[in-house]
């Protein structure tokens, strides 16, 4: 039972970190132009 006092807060912190990383990626524009990035692999340098 004592382990729950450790695991529950750690899982909440991990969930908040994941949500923070997702929010950061969205607000930085990582998902703005998905079509161009998918076709970029076919372009020659």
PDB file of N, CA and C in Angstrom:
ATOM      1  N   UNK A   1       0.820  -1.196   0.000  1.00  0.00           N
ATOM      2  CA  UNK A   1       0.000   0.000   0.000  1.00  0.00           C
ATOM      3  C   UNK A   1       0.866   1.263   0.000  1.00  0.00           C
ATOM      4  N   UNK A   2       2.005   1.193   0.626  1.00  0.00           N
ATOM      5  CA  UNK A   2       2.879   2.363   0.698  1.00  0.00           C
ATOM      6  C   UNK A   2       3.425   2.751  -0.668  1.00  0.00           C
ATOM      7  N   UNK A   3       3.559   1.781  -1.555  1.00  0.00           N
ATOM      8  CA  UNK A   3       4.098   2.082  -2.878  1.00  0.00           C
ATOM      9  C   UNK A   3       3.155   2.975  -3.674  1.00  0.00           C
ATOM     10  N   UNK A   4       1.863   2.938  -3.369  1.00  0.00           N
ATOM     11  CA  UNK A   4       0.905   3.797  -4.064  1.00  0.00           C
ATOM     12  C   UNK A   4       1.169   5.272  -3.801  1.00  0.00           C
ATOM     13  N   UNK A   5       1.676   5.572  -2.615  1.00  0.00           N
ATOM     14  CA  UNK A   5       2.007   6.965  -2.293  1.00  0.00           C
ATOM     15  C   UNK A   5       3.153   7.488  -3.153  1.00  0.00           C
ATOM     16  N   UNK A   6       3.913   6.599  -3.715  1.00  0.00           N
ATOM     17  CA  UNK A   6       4.988   6.987  -4.625  1.00  0.00           C
ATOM     18  C   UNK A   6       4.536   6.931  -6.077  1.00  0.00           C
ATOM     19  N   UNK A   7       3.827   5.866  -6.441  1.00  0.00           N
ATOM     20  CA  UNK A   7       3.481   5.653  -7.843  1.00  0.00           C
ATOM     21  C   UNK A   7       2.402   6.603  -8.364  1.00  0.00           C
ATOM     22  N   UNK A   8       1.437   6.945  -7.556  1.00  0.00           N
ATOM     23  CA  UNK A   8       0.372   7.839  -8.014  1.00  0.00           C
ATOM     24  C   UNK A   8       0.918   9.233  -8.331  1.00  0.00           C
ATOM     25  N   UNK A   9       1.675   9.870  -7.461  1.00  0.00           N
ATOM     26  CA  UNK A   9       2.236  11.179  -7.841  1.00  0.00           C
ATOM     27  C   UNK A   9       3.193  11.108  -9.030  1.00  0.00           C
ATOM     28  N   UNK A  10       3.970  10.031  -9.115  1.00  0.00           N
ATOM     29  CA  UNK A  10       4.876   9.897 -10.253  1.00  0.00           C
ATOM     30  C   UNK A  10       4.113   9.754 -11.566  1.00  0.00           C
ATOM     31  N   UNK A  11       3.022   9.028 -11.540  1.00  0.00           N
ATOM     32  CA  UNK A  11       2.229   8.879 -12.766  1.00  0.00           C
ATOM     33  C   UNK A  11       1.559  10.195 -13.152  1.00  0.00           C
ATOM     34  N   UNK A  12       1.155  10.979 -12.179  1.00  0.00           N
ATOM     35  CA  UNK A  12       0.566  12.289 -12.472  1.00  0.00           C
ATOM     36  C   UNK A  12       1.621  13.216 -13.069  1.00  0.00           C
ATOM     37  N   UNK A  13       2.810  13.201 -12.518  1.00  0.00           N
ATOM     38  CA  UNK A  13       3.898  14.030 -13.044  1.00  0.00           C
ATOM     39  C   UNK A  13       4.255  13.599 -14.458  1.00  0.00           C
ATOM     40  N   UNK A  14       4.321  12.307 -14.712  1.00  0.00           N
ATOM     41  CA  UNK A  14       4.626  11.810 -16.049  1.00  0.00           C
ATOM     42  C   UNK A  14       3.547  12.217 -17.047  1.00  0.00           C
ATOM     43  N   UNK A  15       2.294  12.119 -16.657  1.00  0.00           N
ATOM     44  CA  UNK A  15       1.198  12.517 -17.543  1.00  0.00           C
ATOM     45  C   UNK A  15       1.270  14.017 -17.848  1.00  0.00           C
ATOM     46  N   UNK A  16       1.603  14.823 -16.862  1.00  0.00           N
ATOM     47  CA  UNK A  16       1.729  16.265 -17.089  1.00  0.00           C
ATOM     48  C   UNK A  16       2.904  16.587 -17.999  1.00  0.00           C
ATOM     49  N   UNK A  17       3.995  15.857 -17.862  1.00  0.00           N
ATOM     50  CA  UNK A  17       5.144  16.063 -18.752  1.00  0.00           C
ATOM     51  C   UNK A  17       4.796  15.710 -20.198  1.00  0.00           C
ATOM     52  N   UNK A  18       4.066  14.632 -20.376  1.00  0.00           N
ATOM     53  CA  UNK A  18       3.667  14.234 -21.726  1.00  0.00           C
ATOM     54  C   UNK A  18       2.723  15.258 -22.326  1.00  0.00           C
ATOM     55  N   UNK A  19       1.763  15.726 -21.551  1.00  0.00           N
ATOM     56  CA  UNK A  19       0.852  16.754 -22.051  1.00  0.00           C
ATOM     57  C   UNK A  19       1.594  18.058 -22.349  1.00  0.00           C
ATOM     58  N   UNK A  20       2.569  18.392 -21.527  1.00  0.00           N
ATOM     59  CA  UNK A  20       3.373  19.594 -21.765  1.00  0.00           C
ATOM     60  C   UNK A  20       4.180  19.483 -23.045  1.00  0.00           C
ATOM     61  N   UNK A  21       4.755  18.309 -23.298  1.00  0.00           N
ATOM     62  CA  UNK A  21       5.520  18.110 -24.534  1.00  0.00           C
ATOM     63  C   UNK A  21       4.609  18.180 -25.755  1.00  0.00           C
ATOM     64  N   UNK A  22       3.429  17.626 -25.651  1.00  0.00           N
ATOM     65  CA  UNK A  22       2.479  17.695 -26.757  1.00  0.00           C
ATOM     66  C   UNK A  22       2.034  19.137 -27.011  1.00  0.00           C
ATOM     67  N   UNK A  23       1.742  19.864 -25.961  1.00  0.00           N
ATOM     68  CA  UNK A  23       1.346  21.264 -26.108  1.00  0.00           C
ATOM     69  C   UNK A  23       2.483  22.085 -26.705  1.00  0.00           C
ATOM     70  N   UNK A  24       3.703  21.824 -26.266  1.00  0.00           N
ATOM     71  CA  UNK A  24       4.852  22.548 -26.808  1.00  0.00           C
ATOM     72  C   UNK A  24       4.987  22.283 -28.309  1.00  0.00           C
ATOM     73  N   UNK A  25       4.830  21.027 -28.714  1.00  0.00           N
ATOM     74  CA  UNK A  25       4.955  20.675 -30.131  1.00  0.00           C
ATOM     75  C   UNK A  25       3.848  21.326 -30.954  1.00  0.00           C
ATOM     76  N   UNK A  26       2.650  21.376 -30.412  1.00  0.00           N
ATOM     77  CA  UNK A  26       1.541  21.992 -31.144  1.00  0.00           C
ATOM     78  C   UNK A  26       1.760  23.489 -31.293  1.00  0.00           C
ATOM     79  N   UNK A  27       2.154  24.162 -30.224  1.00  0.00           N
ATOM     80  CA  UNK A  27       2.325  25.610 -30.281  1.00  0.00           C
ATOM     81  C   UNK A  27       3.577  26.034 -31.034  1.00  0.00           C
ATOM     82  N   UNK A  28       4.548  25.148 -31.195  1.00  0.00           N
ATOM     83  CA  UNK A  28       5.740  25.464 -31.976  1.00  0.00           C
ATOM     84  C   UNK A  28       5.534  25.199 -33.466  1.00  0.00           C
ATOM     85  N   UNK A  29       4.381  24.644 -33.835  1.00  0.00           N
ATOM     86  CA  UNK A  29       4.083  24.456 -35.250  1.00  0.00           C
ATOM     87  C   UNK A  29       4.580  23.151 -35.831  1.00  0.00           C
ATOM     88  N   UNK A  30       4.786  22.149 -35.016  1.00  0.00           N
ATOM     89  CA  UNK A  30       5.296  20.877 -35.512  1.00  0.00           C
ATOM     90  C   UNK A  30       4.287  20.149 -36.392  1.00  0.00           C
ATOM     91  N   UNK A  31       3.019  20.434 -36.218  1.00  0.00           N
ATOM     92  CA  UNK A  31       1.981  19.713 -36.947  1.00  0.00           C
ATOM     93  C   UNK A  31       1.249  20.604 -37.939  1.00  0.00           C
ATOM     94  N   UNK A  32       1.867  21.695 -38.376  1.00  0.00           N
ATOM     95  CA  UNK A  32       1.191  22.635 -39.269  1.00  0.00           C
ATOM     96  C   UNK A  32       1.058  22.111 -40.688  1.00  0.00           C
ATOM     97  N   UNK A  33       2.101  21.586 -41.263  1.00  0.00           N
ATOM     98  CA  UNK A  33       2.090  21.195 -42.673  1.00  0.00           C
ATOM     99  C   UNK A  33       2.508  19.740 -42.812  1.00  0.00           C
ATOM    100  N   UNK A  34       1.574  18.843 -42.597  1.00  0.00           N
ATOM    101  CA  UNK A  34       1.898  17.421 -42.635  1.00  0.00           C
ATOM    102  C   UNK A  34       2.050  16.900 -44.061  1.00  0.00           C
ATOM    103  N   UNK A  35       1.347  17.497 -45.012  1.00  0.00           N
ATOM    104  CA  UNK A  35       1.411  17.028 -46.400  1.00  0.00           C
ATOM    105  C   UNK A  35       2.788  17.295 -47.012  1.00  0.00           C
ATOM    106  N   UNK A  36       3.361  18.450 -46.767  1.00  0.00           N
ATOM    107  CA  UNK A  36       4.666  18.781 -47.328  1.00  0.00           C
ATOM    108  C   UNK A  36       5.742  17.866 -46.770  1.00  0.00           C
ATOM    109  N   UNK A  37       5.682  17.611 -45.467  1.00  0.00           N
ATOM    110  CA  UNK A  37       6.697  16.768 -44.844  1.00  0.00           C
ATOM    111  C   UNK A  37       6.595  15.326 -45.326  1.00  0.00           C
ATOM    112  N   UNK A  38       5.397  14.874 -45.640  1.00  0.00           N
ATOM    113  CA  UNK A  38       5.241  13.527 -46.170  1.00  0.00           C
ATOM    114  C   UNK A  38       5.787  13.396 -47.574  1.00  0.00           C
ATOM    115  N   UNK A  39       5.713  14.456 -48.366  1.00  0.00           N
ATOM    116  CA  UNK A  39       6.211  14.400 -49.735  1.00  0.00           C
ATOM    117  C   UNK A  39       7.667  14.783 -49.870  1.00  0.00           C
ATOM    118  N   UNK A  40       8.245  15.330 -48.815  1.00  0.00           N
ATOM    119  CA  UNK A  40       9.640  15.783 -48.865  1.00  0.00           C
ATOM    120  C   UNK A  40      10.609  14.630 -49.062  1.00  0.00           C
ATOM    121  N   UNK A  41      10.236  13.438 -48.636  1.00  0.00           N
ATOM    122  CA  UNK A  41      11.129  12.299 -48.751  1.00  0.00           C
ATOM    123  C   UNK A  41      11.365  11.920 -50.210  1.00  0.00           C
ATOM    124  N   UNK A  42      10.432  12.282 -51.084  1.00  0.00           N
ATOM    125  CA  UNK A  42      10.553  11.927 -52.499  1.00  0.00           C
ATOM    126  C   UNK A  42      11.344  12.941 -53.306  1.00  0.00           C
ATOM    127  N   UNK A  43      11.660  14.084 -52.712  1.00  0.00           N
ATOM    128  CA  UNK A  43      12.396  15.138 -53.423  1.00  0.00           C
ATOM    129  C   UNK A  43      13.884  14.797 -53.460  1.00  0.00           C
ATOM    130  N   UNK A  44      14.521  15.172 -54.560  1.00  0.00           N
ATOM    131  CA  UNK A  44      15.972  14.996 -54.693  1.00  0.00           C
ATOM    132  C   UNK A  44      16.694  16.231 -54.172  1.00  0.00           C
ATOM    133  N   UNK A  45      17.843  16.023 -53.587  1.00  0.00           N
ATOM    134  CA  UNK A  45      18.637  17.164 -53.090  1.00  0.00           C
ATOM    135  C   UNK A  45      19.447  17.780 -54.199  1.00  0.00           C
TER     136      UNK A  45
END
